[in-house]
Structure formats: C-alpha cells, structure tokens
C-alpha cells in the first residue's frame, strides 16, 4: 500500500468502519435505555450516540492502521470503541495526557 493517508482509503472502507462503529453505538444506547440511564427514548440522545460512535470508530480505525493491526482485530476494536463512545474518547485523552504532559502555567 502506498503511504498511509486518510485520503487513500475507499469510501466503501469508511462506510464499513462507520457502520460498524455506529452499530456499537446502537447497542450502547439500547443498554442505557434498558438499564434506566436514559429514562425514555430520545431521538436527540440516540443521534448523539451514533455521531460519537462514528467519530471514535474512525479515529480507532486510523490508529489501528497506523499500528499495522490485522484488519479483523481492527474491526473488533472499531466496534468496541463505537460501543464505548465518549468513554473511549476520555480514555484516549487520558493516555495522551500521560504520554505528553503539559506543564500548567499556574503551577
């Protein structure tokens, strides 16, 4: 494959990644409704869950590609991170803060 670049992947690849991540987001939303975290169905929360899942799914896909992770394992990570949604974003943020500490100006 030529140099890895987000623009080198086909639209079909991105559609699969987004669909898989959003499927994880749907499962997460259904679990939240079942567990009473969301008291009744809300289309706004549902769409928010899907958008977040799709976003983190793409980020996970790029990280897997950068790491040369096998495509099947990459697909599993995309689905799991889509299910995790914003929790996956917060965990990644924590990783980055540990890896690249920023000195606070007020310290």
C-alpha atoms as a PDB file:
ATOM      1  CA  UNK A   1       0.000   0.000   0.000  1.00  0.00           C
ATOM      2  CA  UNK A   2       1.289   3.475  -0.727  1.00  0.00           C
ATOM      3  CA  UNK A   3       1.977   5.830   2.139  1.00  0.00           C
ATOM      4  CA  UNK A   4      -0.875   5.546   4.631  1.00  0.00           C
ATOM      5  CA  UNK A   5      -3.038   8.624   4.437  1.00  0.00           C
ATOM      6  CA  UNK A   6      -6.693   9.115   5.493  1.00  0.00           C
ATOM      7  CA  UNK A   7      -7.496  10.060   1.882  1.00  0.00           C
ATOM      8  CA  UNK A   8      -6.119   6.783   0.441  1.00  0.00           C
ATOM      9  CA  UNK A   9      -8.962   4.617   1.773  1.00  0.00           C
ATOM     10  CA  UNK A  10     -12.048   3.949  -0.302  1.00  0.00           C
ATOM     11  CA  UNK A  11     -15.497   5.269   0.505  1.00  0.00           C
ATOM     12  CA  UNK A  12     -16.618   1.642   0.981  1.00  0.00           C
ATOM     13  CA  UNK A  13     -13.964   1.180   3.683  1.00  0.00           C
ATOM     14  CA  UNK A  14     -15.146   4.270   5.525  1.00  0.00           C
ATOM     15  CA  UNK A  15     -18.795   3.212   5.198  1.00  0.00           C
ATOM     16  CA  UNK A  16     -17.974  -0.158   6.783  1.00  0.00           C
ATOM     17  CA  UNK A  17     -15.979   1.473   9.587  1.00  0.00           C
ATOM     18  CA  UNK A  18     -18.724   3.994  10.353  1.00  0.00           C
ATOM     19  CA  UNK A  19     -21.472   1.359  10.139  1.00  0.00           C
ATOM     20  CA  UNK A  20     -19.622  -0.996  12.486  1.00  0.00           C
ATOM     21  CA  UNK A  21     -18.904   1.789  14.985  1.00  0.00           C
ATOM     22  CA  UNK A  22     -22.495   3.037  14.848  1.00  0.00           C
ATOM     23  CA  UNK A  23     -23.770  -0.499  15.380  1.00  0.00           C
ATOM     24  CA  UNK A  24     -21.758  -0.471  18.600  1.00  0.00           C
ATOM     25  CA  UNK A  25     -23.378   2.902  19.399  1.00  0.00           C
ATOM     26  CA  UNK A  26     -26.864   1.459  18.882  1.00  0.00           C
ATOM     27  CA  UNK A  27     -26.081  -1.412  21.254  1.00  0.00           C
ATOM     28  CA  UNK A  28     -24.758   1.064  23.823  1.00  0.00           C
ATOM     29  CA  UNK A  29     -27.878   3.221  23.533  1.00  0.00           C
ATOM     30  CA  UNK A  30     -30.183   0.193  23.897  1.00  0.00           C
ATOM     31  CA  UNK A  31     -28.279  -0.875  27.019  1.00  0.00           C
ATOM     32  CA  UNK A  32     -28.620   2.613  28.505  1.00  0.00           C
ATOM     33  CA  UNK A  33     -32.388   2.578  27.905  1.00  0.00           C
ATOM     34  CA  UNK A  34     -32.702  -0.927  29.357  1.00  0.00           C
ATOM     35  CA  UNK A  35     -30.633  -0.040  32.439  1.00  0.00           C
ATOM     36  CA  UNK A  36     -32.623   3.144  33.067  1.00  0.00           C
ATOM     37  CA  UNK A  37     -29.706   5.521  32.408  1.00  0.00           C
ATOM     38  CA  UNK A  38     -31.927   7.089  29.753  1.00  0.00           C
ATOM     39  CA  UNK A  39     -35.459   7.178  31.139  1.00  0.00           C
ATOM     40  CA  UNK A  40     -37.231   7.190  27.804  1.00  0.00           C
ATOM     41  CA  UNK A  41     -36.276   7.091  24.148  1.00  0.00           C
ATOM     42  CA  UNK A  42     -34.807  10.385  22.960  1.00  0.00           C
ATOM     43  CA  UNK A  43     -34.010  10.865  19.297  1.00  0.00           C
ATOM     44  CA  UNK A  44     -31.502  13.603  20.189  1.00  0.00           C
ATOM     45  CA  UNK A  45     -29.581  11.288  22.546  1.00  0.00           C
ATOM     46  CA  UNK A  46     -29.797   8.475  20.001  1.00  0.00           C
ATOM     47  CA  UNK A  47     -28.323  10.635  17.216  1.00  0.00           C
ATOM     48  CA  UNK A  48     -25.671  11.939  19.623  1.00  0.00           C
ATOM     49  CA  UNK A  49     -24.712   8.361  20.474  1.00  0.00           C
ATOM     50  CA  UNK A  50     -24.444   7.478  16.767  1.00  0.00           C
ATOM     51  CA  UNK A  51     -22.355  10.529  15.877  1.00  0.00           C
ATOM     52  CA  UNK A  52     -19.990   9.941  18.799  1.00  0.00           C
ATOM     53  CA  UNK A  53     -19.681   6.251  17.931  1.00  0.00           C
ATOM     54  CA  UNK A  54     -18.955   7.030  14.278  1.00  0.00           C
ATOM     55  CA  UNK A  55     -16.323   9.615  15.199  1.00  0.00           C
ATOM     56  CA  UNK A  56     -14.440   7.382  17.648  1.00  0.00           C
ATOM     57  CA  UNK A  57     -14.766   4.478  15.197  1.00  0.00           C
ATOM     58  CA  UNK A  58     -12.902   6.425  12.515  1.00  0.00           C
ATOM     59  CA  UNK A  59     -10.220   7.524  14.994  1.00  0.00           C
ATOM     60  CA  UNK A  60      -9.821   3.907  16.149  1.00  0.00           C
ATOM     61  CA  UNK A  61      -9.563   2.725  12.536  1.00  0.00           C
ATOM     62  CA  UNK A  62      -6.798   5.246  11.816  1.00  0.00           C
ATOM     63  CA  UNK A  63      -4.901   4.251  14.961  1.00  0.00           C
ATOM     64  CA  UNK A  64      -5.199   0.567  14.029  1.00  0.00           C
ATOM     65  CA  UNK A  65      -3.977   1.259  10.500  1.00  0.00           C
ATOM     66  CA  UNK A  66      -1.069   3.315  11.828  1.00  0.00           C
ATOM     67  CA  UNK A  67      -0.176   0.430  14.159  1.00  0.00           C
ATOM     68  CA  UNK A  68      -0.456  -2.199  11.368  1.00  0.00           C
ATOM     69  CA  UNK A  69      -3.066  -4.150  13.343  1.00  0.00           C
ATOM     70  CA  UNK A  70      -4.665  -7.061  11.480  1.00  0.00           C
ATOM     71  CA  UNK A  71      -7.932  -5.976   9.775  1.00  0.00           C
ATOM     72  CA  UNK A  72     -10.121  -8.416  11.742  1.00  0.00           C
ATOM     73  CA  UNK A  73      -8.733  -7.207  15.060  1.00  0.00           C
ATOM     74  CA  UNK A  74      -9.071  -3.638  13.821  1.00  0.00           C
ATOM     75  CA  UNK A  75     -12.762  -4.275  13.063  1.00  0.00           C
ATOM     76  CA  UNK A  76     -13.269  -5.623  16.575  1.00  0.00           C
ATOM     77  CA  UNK A  77     -11.589  -2.546  18.062  1.00  0.00           C
ATOM     78  CA  UNK A  78     -13.760  -0.253  15.918  1.00  0.00           C
ATOM     79  CA  UNK A  79     -16.957  -1.960  17.110  1.00  0.00           C
ATOM     80  CA  UNK A  80     -15.886  -1.933  20.754  1.00  0.00           C
ATOM     81  CA  UNK A  81     -14.805   1.702  20.648  1.00  0.00           C
ATOM     82  CA  UNK A  82     -18.112   2.594  18.947  1.00  0.00           C
ATOM     83  CA  UNK A  83     -19.913   0.914  21.846  1.00  0.00           C
ATOM     84  CA  UNK A  84     -17.727   2.788  24.335  1.00  0.00           C
ATOM     85  CA  UNK A  85     -18.449   6.110  22.625  1.00  0.00           C
ATOM     86  CA  UNK A  86     -17.372   9.075  24.716  1.00  0.00           C
ATOM     87  CA  UNK A  87     -15.728   6.783  27.283  1.00  0.00           C
ATOM     88  CA  UNK A  88     -13.225   5.757  24.589  1.00  0.00           C
ATOM     89  CA  UNK A  89     -12.535   9.425  23.839  1.00  0.00           C
ATOM     90  CA  UNK A  90     -11.910  10.180  27.537  1.00  0.00           C
ATOM     91  CA  UNK A  91      -9.596   7.164  27.883  1.00  0.00           C
ATOM     92  CA  UNK A  92      -7.628   8.221  24.822  1.00  0.00           C
ATOM     93  CA  UNK A  93      -7.428  11.743  26.222  1.00  0.00           C
ATOM     94  CA  UNK A  94      -6.041  10.331  29.495  1.00  0.00           C
ATOM     95  CA  UNK A  95      -3.442   8.344  27.552  1.00  0.00           C
ATOM     96  CA  UNK A  96      -2.342  11.453  25.658  1.00  0.00           C
ATOM     97  CA  UNK A  97      -2.096  13.496  28.856  1.00  0.00           C
ATOM     98  CA  UNK A  98       0.177  10.852  30.405  1.00  0.00           C
ATOM     99  CA  UNK A  99       2.236  10.459  27.247  1.00  0.00           C
ATOM    100  CA  UNK A 100       2.592  14.178  26.551  1.00  0.00           C
ATOM    101  CA  UNK A 101       2.309  16.029  29.857  1.00  0.00           C
ATOM    102  CA  UNK A 102       1.673  19.728  29.608  1.00  0.00           C
ATOM    103  CA  UNK A 103       3.067  21.981  32.303  1.00  0.00           C
ATOM    104  CA  UNK A 104       0.358  24.227  33.658  1.00  0.00           C
ATOM    105  CA  UNK A 105       1.146  27.947  33.629  1.00  0.00           C
ATOM    106  CA  UNK A 106      -0.342  28.348  37.133  1.00  0.00           C
ATOM    107  CA  UNK A 107       1.791  25.696  38.827  1.00  0.00           C
END
